[in-house]
Amino acid sequence: MRKYHIYLALEERKLIIESLISEKNTPISVGKYTDGVDDVLLKILQAKKNKVKVIYT
């Protein structure tokens, strides 16, 4: 299994979390399981927050 690393700005991270929460609400209202969305949401929330310095030349 491959591992992928993505670097997100704070606004991008916030947008992903909000999107996953709204995606989680749809199956909850129908009565289905949300295990897949929960796993991804947990990984995003537990990820380290690194600052990346970008140098333009």
PDB file of N, CA and C in Angstrom:
ATOM      1  N   MET A   1       0.844  -1.175   0.000  1.00  0.00           N
ATOM      2  CA  MET A   1       0.000   0.000   0.000  1.00  0.00           C
ATOM      3  C   MET A   1       0.893   1.242   0.000  1.00  0.00           C
ATOM      4  N   ARG A   2       0.588   2.175  -0.853  1.00  0.00           N
ATOM      5  CA  ARG A   2       1.368   3.401  -0.952  1.00  0.00           C
ATOM      6  C   ARG A   2       0.889   4.433   0.061  1.00  0.00           C
ATOM      7  N   LYS A   3       1.836   5.238   0.526  1.00  0.00           N
ATOM      8  CA  LYS A   3       1.494   6.348   1.408  1.00  0.00           C
ATOM      9  C   LYS A   3       1.642   7.633   0.617  1.00  0.00           C
ATOM     10  N   TYR A   4       0.752   8.521   0.845  1.00  0.00           N
ATOM     11  CA  TYR A   4       0.782   9.814   0.175  1.00  0.00           C
ATOM     12  C   TYR A   4       0.872  10.911   1.217  1.00  0.00           C
ATOM     13  N   HIS A   5       1.607  11.948   0.881  1.00  0.00           N
ATOM     14  CA  HIS A   5       1.736  13.107   1.759  1.00  0.00           C
ATOM     15  C   HIS A   5       1.223  14.324   1.000  1.00  0.00           C
ATOM     16  N   ILE A   6       0.336  15.044   1.636  1.00  0.00           N
ATOM     17  CA  ILE A   6      -0.133  16.294   1.043  1.00  0.00           C
ATOM     18  C   ILE A   6       0.086  17.409   2.055  1.00  0.00           C
ATOM     19  N   TYR A   7       0.389  18.559   1.538  1.00  0.00           N
ATOM     20  CA  TYR A   7       0.601  19.731   2.375  1.00  0.00           C
ATOM     21  C   TYR A   7      -0.556  20.694   2.142  1.00  0.00           C
ATOM     22  N   LEU A   8      -1.245  21.040   3.216  1.00  0.00           N
ATOM     23  CA  LEU A   8      -2.431  21.878   3.117  1.00  0.00           C
ATOM     24  C   LEU A   8      -2.235  23.176   3.884  1.00  0.00           C
ATOM     25  N   ALA A   9      -2.770  24.234   3.342  1.00  0.00           N
ATOM     26  CA  ALA A   9      -2.840  25.490   4.076  1.00  0.00           C
ATOM     27  C   ALA A   9      -3.963  25.362   5.103  1.00  0.00           C
ATOM     28  N   LEU A  10      -3.993  26.256   6.049  1.00  0.00           N
ATOM     29  CA  LEU A  10      -5.024  26.181   7.090  1.00  0.00           C
ATOM     30  C   LEU A  10      -6.427  26.263   6.520  1.00  0.00           C
ATOM     31  N   GLU A  11      -6.622  27.116   5.523  1.00  0.00           N
ATOM     32  CA  GLU A  11      -7.947  27.252   4.911  1.00  0.00           C
ATOM     33  C   GLU A  11      -8.343  25.977   4.166  1.00  0.00           C
ATOM     34  N   GLU A  12      -7.384  25.348   3.496  1.00  0.00           N
ATOM     35  CA  GLU A  12      -7.664  24.104   2.781  1.00  0.00           C
ATOM     36  C   GLU A  12      -8.025  22.986   3.759  1.00  0.00           C
ATOM     37  N   ARG A  13      -7.292  22.921   4.858  1.00  0.00           N
ATOM     38  CA  ARG A  13      -7.571  21.908   5.879  1.00  0.00           C
ATOM     39  C   ARG A  13      -8.961  22.106   6.462  1.00  0.00           C
ATOM     40  N   LYS A  14      -9.296  23.351   6.747  1.00  0.00           N
ATOM     41  CA  LYS A  14     -10.614  23.673   7.293  1.00  0.00           C
ATOM     42  C   LYS A  14     -11.719  23.288   6.309  1.00  0.00           C
ATOM     43  N   LEU A  15     -11.513  23.557   5.040  1.00  0.00           N
ATOM     44  CA  LEU A  15     -12.494  23.226   4.007  1.00  0.00           C
ATOM     45  C   LEU A  15     -12.691  21.718   3.887  1.00  0.00           C
ATOM     46  N   ILE A  16     -11.608  20.959   3.960  1.00  0.00           N
ATOM     47  CA  ILE A  16     -11.708  19.494   3.885  1.00  0.00           C
ATOM     48  C   ILE A  16     -12.475  18.947   5.079  1.00  0.00           C
ATOM     49  N   ILE A  17     -12.187  19.459   6.262  1.00  0.00           N
ATOM     50  CA  ILE A  17     -12.881  18.981   7.461  1.00  0.00           C
ATOM     51  C   ILE A  17     -14.374  19.295   7.389  1.00  0.00           C
ATOM     52  N   GLU A  18     -14.716  20.498   6.966  1.00  0.00           N
ATOM     53  CA  GLU A  18     -16.132  20.866   6.832  1.00  0.00           C
ATOM     54  C   GLU A  18     -16.824  19.995   5.792  1.00  0.00           C
ATOM     55  N   SER A  19     -16.150  19.703   4.696  1.00  0.00           N
ATOM     56  CA  SER A  19     -16.728  18.867   3.645  1.00  0.00           C
ATOM     57  C   SER A  19     -16.950  17.444   4.135  1.00  0.00           C
ATOM     58  N   LEU A  20     -15.983  16.906   4.865  1.00  0.00           N
ATOM     59  CA  LEU A  20     -16.145  15.546   5.385  1.00  0.00           C
ATOM     60  C   LEU A  20     -17.279  15.465   6.395  1.00  0.00           C
ATOM     61  N   ILE A  21     -17.437  16.487   7.213  1.00  0.00           N
ATOM     62  CA  ILE A  21     -18.535  16.486   8.182  1.00  0.00           C
ATOM     63  C   ILE A  21     -19.878  16.530   7.468  1.00  0.00           C
ATOM     64  N   SER A  22     -19.982  17.341   6.413  1.00  0.00           N
ATOM     65  CA  SER A  22     -21.248  17.388   5.674  1.00  0.00           C
ATOM     66  C   SER A  22     -21.502  16.080   4.933  1.00  0.00           C
ATOM     67  N   GLU A  23     -20.434  15.427   4.438  1.00  0.00           N
ATOM     68  CA  GLU A  23     -20.590  14.123   3.802  1.00  0.00           C
ATOM     69  C   GLU A  23     -21.006  13.062   4.819  1.00  0.00           C
ATOM     70  N   LYS A  24     -20.601  13.220   6.042  1.00  0.00           N
ATOM     71  CA  LYS A  24     -20.958  12.276   7.103  1.00  0.00           C
ATOM     72  C   LYS A  24     -22.426  12.410   7.493  1.00  0.00           C
ATOM     73  N   ASN A  25     -22.969  13.611   7.411  1.00  0.00           N
ATOM     74  CA  ASN A  25     -24.347  13.844   7.822  1.00  0.00           C
ATOM     75  C   ASN A  25     -25.365  13.172   6.902  1.00  0.00           C
ATOM     76  N   THR A  26     -25.044  13.041   5.620  1.00  0.00           N
ATOM     77  CA  THR A  26     -25.984  12.436   4.667  1.00  0.00           C
ATOM     78  C   THR A  26     -26.280  10.971   5.015  1.00  0.00           C
ATOM     79  N   PRO A  27     -25.273  10.102   5.188  1.00  0.00           N
ATOM     80  CA  PRO A  27     -25.593   8.714   5.549  1.00  0.00           C
ATOM     81  C   PRO A  27     -26.226   8.586   6.932  1.00  0.00           C
ATOM     82  N   ILE A  28     -25.885   9.490   7.846  1.00  0.00           N
ATOM     83  CA  ILE A  28     -26.485   9.434   9.182  1.00  0.00           C
ATOM     84  C   ILE A  28     -27.989   9.657   9.097  1.00  0.00           C
ATOM     85  N   SER A  29     -28.411  10.595   8.247  1.00  0.00           N
ATOM     86  CA  SER A  29     -29.845  10.879   8.130  1.00  0.00           C
ATOM     87  C   SER A  29     -30.606   9.719   7.498  1.00  0.00           C
ATOM     88  N   VAL A  30     -29.930   8.914   6.685  1.00  0.00           N
ATOM     89  CA  VAL A  30     -30.574   7.760   6.048  1.00  0.00           C
ATOM     90  C   VAL A  30     -30.476   6.529   6.934  1.00  0.00           C
ATOM     91  N   GLY A  31     -29.555   6.535   7.883  1.00  0.00           N
ATOM     92  CA  GLY A  31     -29.397   5.403   8.788  1.00  0.00           C
ATOM     93  C   GLY A  31     -28.308   4.444   8.358  1.00  0.00           C
ATOM     94  N   LYS A  32     -27.367   4.893   7.552  1.00  0.00           N
ATOM     95  CA  LYS A  32     -26.273   4.034   7.096  1.00  0.00           C
ATOM     96  C   LYS A  32     -25.025   4.300   7.926  1.00  0.00           C
ATOM     97  N   TYR A  33     -24.034   3.436   7.735  1.00  0.00           N
ATOM     98  CA  TYR A  33     -22.777   3.560   8.460  1.00  0.00           C
ATOM     99  C   TYR A  33     -21.894   4.643   7.857  1.00  0.00           C
ATOM    100  N   THR A  34     -21.067   5.256   8.703  1.00  0.00           N
ATOM    101  CA  THR A  34     -20.179   6.322   8.249  1.00  0.00           C
ATOM    102  C   THR A  34     -18.713   5.981   8.543  1.00  0.00           C
ATOM    103  N   ASP A  35     -18.382   4.690   8.556  1.00  0.00           N
ATOM    104  CA  ASP A  35     -17.039   4.261   8.940  1.00  0.00           C
ATOM    105  C   ASP A  35     -15.958   4.811   8.018  1.00  0.00           C
ATOM    106  N   GLY A  36     -16.180   4.794   6.713  1.00  0.00           N
ATOM    107  CA  GLY A  36     -15.183   5.283   5.766  1.00  0.00           C
ATOM    108  C   GLY A  36     -14.884   6.759   5.953  1.00  0.00           C
ATOM    109  N   VAL A  37     -15.932   7.549   6.102  1.00  0.00           N
ATOM    110  CA  VAL A  37     -15.756   8.993   6.297  1.00  0.00           C
ATOM    111  C   VAL A  37     -15.106   9.256   7.650  1.00  0.00           C
ATOM    112  N   ASP A  38     -15.472   8.470   8.654  1.00  0.00           N
ATOM    113  CA  ASP A  38     -14.875   8.628   9.981  1.00  0.00           C
ATOM    114  C   ASP A  38     -13.368   8.383   9.949  1.00  0.00           C
ATOM    115  N   ASP A  39     -12.949   7.349   9.211  1.00  0.00           N
ATOM    116  CA  ASP A  39     -11.524   7.031   9.123  1.00  0.00           C
ATOM    117  C   ASP A  39     -10.735   8.179   8.492  1.00  0.00           C
ATOM    118  N   VAL A  40     -11.244   8.720   7.394  1.00  0.00           N
ATOM    119  CA  VAL A  40     -10.551   9.812   6.717  1.00  0.00           C
ATOM    120  C   VAL A  40     -10.543  11.061   7.585  1.00  0.00           C
ATOM    121  N   LEU A  41     -11.655  11.364   8.215  1.00  0.00           N
ATOM    122  CA  LEU A  41     -11.750  12.531   9.084  1.00  0.00           C
ATOM    123  C   LEU A  41     -10.773  12.423  10.255  1.00  0.00           C
ATOM    124  N   LEU A  42     -10.663  11.248  10.826  1.00  0.00           N
ATOM    125  CA  LEU A  42      -9.744  11.025  11.933  1.00  0.00           C
ATOM    126  C   LEU A  42      -8.297  11.218  11.494  1.00  0.00           C
ATOM    127  N   LYS A  43      -7.950  10.744  10.301  1.00  0.00           N
ATOM    128  CA  LYS A  43      -6.583  10.915   9.801  1.00  0.00           C
ATOM    129  C   LYS A  43      -6.260  12.387   9.575  1.00  0.00           C
ATOM    130  N   ILE A  44      -7.211  13.133   9.042  1.00  0.00           N
ATOM    131  CA  ILE A  44      -6.990  14.558   8.810  1.00  0.00           C
ATOM    132  C   ILE A  44      -6.833  15.301  10.132  1.00  0.00           C
ATOM    133  N   LEU A  45      -7.669  14.971  11.110  1.00  0.00           N
ATOM    134  CA  LEU A  45      -7.620  15.657  12.392  1.00  0.00           C
ATOM    135  C   LEU A  45      -6.356  15.330  13.186  1.00  0.00           C
ATOM    136  N   GLN A  46      -5.817  14.123  13.027  1.00  0.00           N
ATOM    137  CA  GLN A  46      -4.632  13.717  13.781  1.00  0.00           C
ATOM    138  C   GLN A  46      -3.326  14.026  13.061  1.00  0.00           C
ATOM    139  N   ALA A  47      -3.396  14.506  11.840  1.00  0.00           N
ATOM    140  CA  ALA A  47      -2.182  14.774  11.066  1.00  0.00           C
ATOM    141  C   ALA A  47      -1.405  15.927  11.683  1.00  0.00           C
ATOM    142  N   LYS A  48      -0.098  15.848  11.535  1.00  0.00           N
ATOM    143  CA  LYS A  48       0.757  16.926  12.025  1.00  0.00           C
ATOM    144  C   LYS A  48       0.533  18.177  11.200  1.00  0.00           C
ATOM    145  N   LYS A  49       0.661  19.301  11.856  1.00  0.00           N
ATOM    146  CA  LYS A  49       0.527  20.582  11.168  1.00  0.00           C
ATOM    147  C   LYS A  49       1.922  21.148  10.973  1.00  0.00           C
ATOM    148  N   ASN A  50       2.442  21.035   9.774  1.00  0.00           N
ATOM    149  CA  ASN A  50       3.773  21.543   9.453  1.00  0.00           C
ATOM    150  C   ASN A  50       3.663  22.844   8.686  1.00  0.00           C
ATOM    151  N   LYS A  51       4.603  23.717   8.944  1.00  0.00           N
ATOM    152  CA  LYS A  51       4.683  24.943   8.163  1.00  0.00           C
ATOM    153  C   LYS A  51       5.739  24.734   7.093  1.00  0.00           C
ATOM    154  N   VAL A  52       5.379  25.023   5.871  1.00  0.00           N
ATOM    155  CA  VAL A  52       6.294  24.858   4.762  1.00  0.00           C
ATOM    156  C   VAL A  52       6.642  26.230   4.224  1.00  0.00           C
ATOM    157  N   LYS A  53       7.927  26.502   4.124  1.00  0.00           N
ATOM    158  CA  LYS A  53       8.374  27.783   3.626  1.00  0.00           C
ATOM    159  C   LYS A  53       8.579  27.673   2.121  1.00  0.00           C
ATOM    160  N   VAL A  54       7.930  28.543   1.374  1.00  0.00           N
ATOM    161  CA  VAL A  54       8.051  28.545  -0.081  1.00  0.00           C
ATOM    162  C   VAL A  54       8.886  29.755  -0.482  1.00  0.00           C
ATOM    163  N   ILE A  55       9.945  29.488  -1.216  1.00  0.00           N
ATOM    164  CA  ILE A  55      10.831  30.550  -1.666  1.00  0.00           C
ATOM    165  C   ILE A  55      10.654  30.712  -3.169  1.00  0.00           C
ATOM    166  N   TYR A  56      10.228  31.888  -3.580  1.00  0.00           N
ATOM    167  CA  TYR A  56      10.061  32.176  -4.998  1.00  0.00           C
ATOM    168  C   TYR A  56      11.350  32.809  -5.527  1.00  0.00           C
ATOM    169  N   THR A  57      11.827  32.293  -6.647  1.00  0.00           N
ATOM    170  CA  THR A  57      13.049  32.859  -7.222  1.00  0.00           C
ATOM    171  C   THR A  57      12.784  33.483  -8.572  1.00  0.00           C
TER     172      THR A  57
END
